[in-house]
Amino acid sequence: MATTNDIKNGTVLDLDGQLWQVIWFQHHKPGKGNTVVRTKLKHVVSGKVVERTFPADTKIDTAQVDKSDMQYLYEDAGVGYVFMDTQTYDQLTIPTEVIGDAKDFMLESMMVQVATHEGAALYVELPASVELEIVYTEPGLQGDRSSAGNKPATLETGRVIQVPLFITQGERVKVDTRSGDYLGRAN
């Protein structure tokens, strides 16, 4: 059992039997009244974000979430995605619903962080950006510049993103895994 004074970014709270991750918090002392702790909480399973205010020194339940580095092995059709702990070589199959949009940025043998609670996988945390190859895009025209506009491009994972007109098929690009935005050419 902890108090609201122990809240930090990344802390996972057990509120009414559901897990919420703290993504922002602020201790606030209004002119009148008692100190409160304002928070933005993200539901671990659904990703829903809510704001919640707690009175200071309120007792709260924190959940024990274990994060471990794992290697993505392959997609097991109809079942989920298979990961391997590189320390123990144990394999873990995570359902497609838990993976969510992360599947659009994962390549085989990529290292990711897998968060578990009581043996159940909660979510997969990818690096902030990944390098992926463009497998299809319309050819650009001579003189196309980065400020001229964007065009759709299909990545090797199947995800379609918007890229500048000068990007060609076969190039490797950096992609932001949080938003899916094009960040630039890969070195």
Protein backbone atom coordinates (compact mmCIF):
# COMPACT_ATOMS: atom_id res chain seq x y z
CA MET A 1 0.00 0.00 0.00
CA ALA A 2 1.34 3.41 -0.98
CA THR A 3 0.09 6.98 -0.75
CA THR A 4 -0.49 9.59 -3.41
CA ASN A 5 2.81 11.21 -2.34
CA ASP A 6 4.60 8.13 -3.78
CA ILE A 7 3.15 8.61 -7.30
CA LYS A 8 5.70 8.96 -10.08
CA ASN A 9 5.46 8.83 -13.88
CA GLY A 10 5.26 5.20 -14.98
CA THR A 11 3.79 3.93 -11.70
CA VAL A 12 1.00 1.40 -12.28
CA LEU A 13 -2.01 1.77 -9.98
CA ASP A 14 -4.65 -0.84 -9.20
CA LEU A 15 -7.89 1.16 -9.06
CA ASP A 16 -11.13 -0.79 -8.67
CA GLY A 17 -9.49 -3.95 -10.01
CA GLN A 18 -8.17 -2.27 -13.18
CA LEU A 19 -4.60 -1.28 -13.97
CA TRP A 20 -3.80 2.35 -14.79
CA GLN A 21 -0.37 3.77 -15.60
CA VAL A 22 0.50 7.30 -14.42
CA ILE A 23 1.60 9.36 -17.43
CA TRP A 24 1.54 12.76 -15.68
CA PHE A 25 1.06 14.00 -12.13
CA GLN A 26 1.15 17.29 -10.23
CA HIS A 27 0.86 18.14 -6.55
CA HIS A 28 -1.47 21.16 -6.30
CA LYS A 29 -2.05 23.41 -3.29
CA PRO A 30 -5.04 25.66 -3.93
CA GLY A 31 -5.42 28.96 -2.07
CA LYS A 32 -8.12 27.44 0.11
CA GLY A 33 -8.52 23.81 1.01
CA ASN A 34 -6.24 20.81 1.14
CA THR A 35 -3.45 19.75 -1.19
CA VAL A 36 -4.49 17.43 -4.03
CA VAL A 37 -2.63 15.30 -6.55
CA ARG A 38 -3.80 15.71 -10.15
CA THR A 39 -3.00 12.83 -12.48
CA LYS A 40 -3.44 11.65 -16.05
CA LEU A 41 -3.88 7.90 -16.08
CA LYS A 42 -3.67 5.55 -19.06
CA HIS A 43 -5.60 2.28 -18.90
CA VAL A 44 -3.00 -0.45 -19.39
CA VAL A 45 -5.19 -2.71 -21.53
CA SER A 46 -7.39 -0.33 -23.57
CA GLY A 47 -5.09 2.72 -23.73
CA LYS A 48 -7.89 5.07 -22.62
CA VAL A 49 -6.56 8.22 -20.92
CA VAL A 50 -8.45 9.86 -18.03
CA GLU A 51 -7.73 12.63 -15.56
CA ARG A 52 -8.21 11.89 -11.88
CA THR A 53 -7.62 13.95 -8.75
CA PHE A 54 -6.74 12.43 -5.38
CA PRO A 55 -6.60 14.12 -1.96
CA ALA A 56 -3.01 14.25 -0.67
CA ASP A 57 -1.87 11.32 1.53
CA THR A 58 -4.68 9.07 0.23
CA LYS A 59 -3.82 5.37 0.34
CA ILE A 60 -3.65 3.77 -3.13
CA ASP A 61 -2.84 0.28 -4.40
CA THR A 62 0.16 -0.04 -6.69
CA ALA A 63 0.48 -3.01 -9.01
CA GLN A 64 3.71 -4.96 -9.46
CA VAL A 65 4.53 -4.79 -13.17
CA ASP A 66 7.61 -6.62 -14.40
CA LYS A 67 9.31 -5.38 -17.56
CA SER A 68 11.72 -7.64 -19.37
CA ASP A 69 13.68 -7.36 -22.60
CA MET A 70 12.46 -9.92 -25.10
CA GLN A 71 13.14 -10.75 -28.71
CA TYR A 72 10.25 -10.88 -31.18
CA LEU A 73 10.42 -14.23 -32.99
CA TYR A 74 7.40 -14.63 -35.27
CA GLU A 75 3.64 -14.26 -35.70
CA ASP A 76 1.70 -17.43 -34.92
CA ALA A 77 -1.34 -16.99 -37.20
CA GLY A 78 -4.61 -16.89 -35.30
CA VAL A 79 -2.92 -17.18 -31.89
CA GLY A 80 -0.68 -14.14 -31.44
CA TYR A 81 2.95 -13.11 -31.47
CA VAL A 82 5.80 -15.18 -30.02
CA PHE A 83 8.57 -13.55 -27.97
CA MET A 84 11.63 -15.06 -26.31
CA ASP A 85 13.36 -14.01 -23.10
CA THR A 86 17.02 -13.76 -24.14
CA GLN A 87 18.22 -14.66 -20.63
CA THR A 88 16.18 -17.81 -19.95
CA TYR A 89 15.12 -18.69 -23.54
CA ASP A 90 11.52 -19.02 -22.33
CA GLN A 91 8.96 -18.24 -25.01
CA LEU A 92 5.81 -16.20 -24.45
CA THR A 93 2.87 -15.94 -26.87
CA ILE A 94 1.08 -12.61 -26.63
CA PRO A 95 -2.43 -12.26 -28.13
CA THR A 96 -2.90 -9.89 -31.08
CA GLU A 97 -5.28 -7.68 -29.04
CA VAL A 98 -2.51 -6.98 -26.51
CA ILE A 99 0.04 -6.15 -29.23
CA GLY A 100 -2.26 -3.59 -30.88
CA ASP A 101 -0.62 -1.20 -33.35
CA ALA A 102 2.88 -2.27 -32.26
CA LYS A 103 2.62 -5.08 -34.83
CA ASP A 104 2.94 -2.47 -37.59
CA PHE A 105 6.50 -1.67 -36.50
CA MET A 106 7.89 -5.06 -35.39
CA LEU A 107 10.36 -7.08 -37.43
CA GLU A 108 11.53 -10.58 -36.57
CA SER A 109 14.46 -10.65 -34.10
CA MET A 110 13.70 -7.08 -32.88
CA MET A 111 14.29 -6.43 -29.16
CA VAL A 112 11.29 -5.00 -27.25
CA GLN A 113 10.20 -4.60 -23.63
CA VAL A 114 7.28 -6.74 -22.51
CA ALA A 115 5.37 -5.70 -19.38
CA THR A 116 3.69 -8.47 -17.37
CA HIS A 117 1.49 -8.51 -14.28
CA GLU A 118 0.89 -11.79 -12.45
CA GLY A 119 2.12 -13.74 -15.48
CA ALA A 120 -0.18 -12.04 -18.00
CA ALA A 121 1.27 -9.77 -20.70
CA LEU A 122 -0.05 -6.21 -20.46
CA TYR A 123 1.65 -4.41 -23.32
CA VAL A 124 4.71 -4.31 -25.56
CA GLU A 125 6.97 -1.26 -25.46
CA LEU A 126 8.85 -0.56 -28.70
CA PRO A 127 11.87 1.69 -29.20
CA ALA A 128 10.91 5.32 -29.93
CA SER A 129 11.79 4.87 -33.61
CA VAL A 130 12.53 2.00 -35.97
CA GLU A 131 14.14 1.70 -39.39
CA LEU A 132 11.95 0.01 -41.99
CA GLU A 133 12.17 -0.50 -45.74
CA ILE A 134 9.69 1.01 -48.21
CA VAL A 135 8.33 -1.90 -50.30
CA TYR A 136 5.99 0.16 -52.47
CA THR A 137 5.49 3.81 -53.30
CA GLU A 138 4.75 5.75 -56.46
CA PRO A 139 7.88 7.09 -58.15
CA GLY A 140 8.79 10.70 -57.43
CA LEU A 141 9.34 13.28 -60.13
CA GLN A 142 12.52 15.19 -60.88
CA GLY A 143 12.68 18.33 -58.74
CA ASP A 144 10.45 17.01 -55.93
CA ARG A 145 11.42 18.59 -52.63
CA SER A 146 10.52 17.84 -49.05
CA SER A 147 8.24 20.88 -48.81
CA ALA A 148 6.27 19.99 -51.95
CA GLY A 149 3.95 17.47 -50.27
CA ASN A 150 3.61 13.86 -49.24
CA LYS A 151 2.65 10.55 -50.79
CA PRO A 152 1.64 7.17 -49.32
CA ALA A 153 4.30 4.48 -48.92
CA THR A 154 3.90 0.86 -47.78
CA LEU A 155 6.46 -0.39 -45.26
CA GLU A 156 7.82 -3.95 -45.10
CA THR A 157 5.46 -4.63 -42.18
CA GLY A 158 2.42 -3.64 -44.26
CA ARG A 159 1.81 -0.28 -42.57
CA VAL A 160 1.11 2.66 -44.91
CA ILE A 161 2.65 6.00 -43.92
CA GLN A 162 3.03 9.42 -45.55
CA VAL A 163 6.52 10.23 -46.87
CA PRO A 164 7.99 13.15 -48.85
CA LEU A 165 7.75 12.95 -52.64
CA PHE A 166 11.51 12.31 -53.12
CA ILE A 167 11.47 8.97 -51.21
CA THR A 168 11.72 5.95 -53.52
CA GLN A 169 10.89 2.27 -53.28
CA GLY A 170 13.61 0.21 -51.57
CA GLU A 171 14.83 3.03 -49.30
CA ARG A 172 15.07 2.59 -45.53
CA VAL A 173 13.33 5.23 -43.44
CA LYS A 174 13.01 6.04 -39.73
CA VAL A 175 9.47 5.87 -38.38
CA ASP A 176 8.16 7.10 -35.01
CA THR A 177 6.53 4.07 -33.32
CA ARG A 178 4.21 6.21 -31.16
CA SER A 179 2.60 8.24 -33.96
CA GLY A 180 3.56 6.36 -37.15
CA ASP A 181 5.12 9.51 -38.63
CA TYR A 182 8.03 9.59 -41.05
CA LEU A 183 11.18 10.92 -39.31
CA GLY A 184 13.74 10.83 -42.10
CA ARG A 185 15.95 8.57 -44.14
CA ALA A 186 17.87 5.88 -42.29
CA ASN A 187 21.65 6.22 -42.32
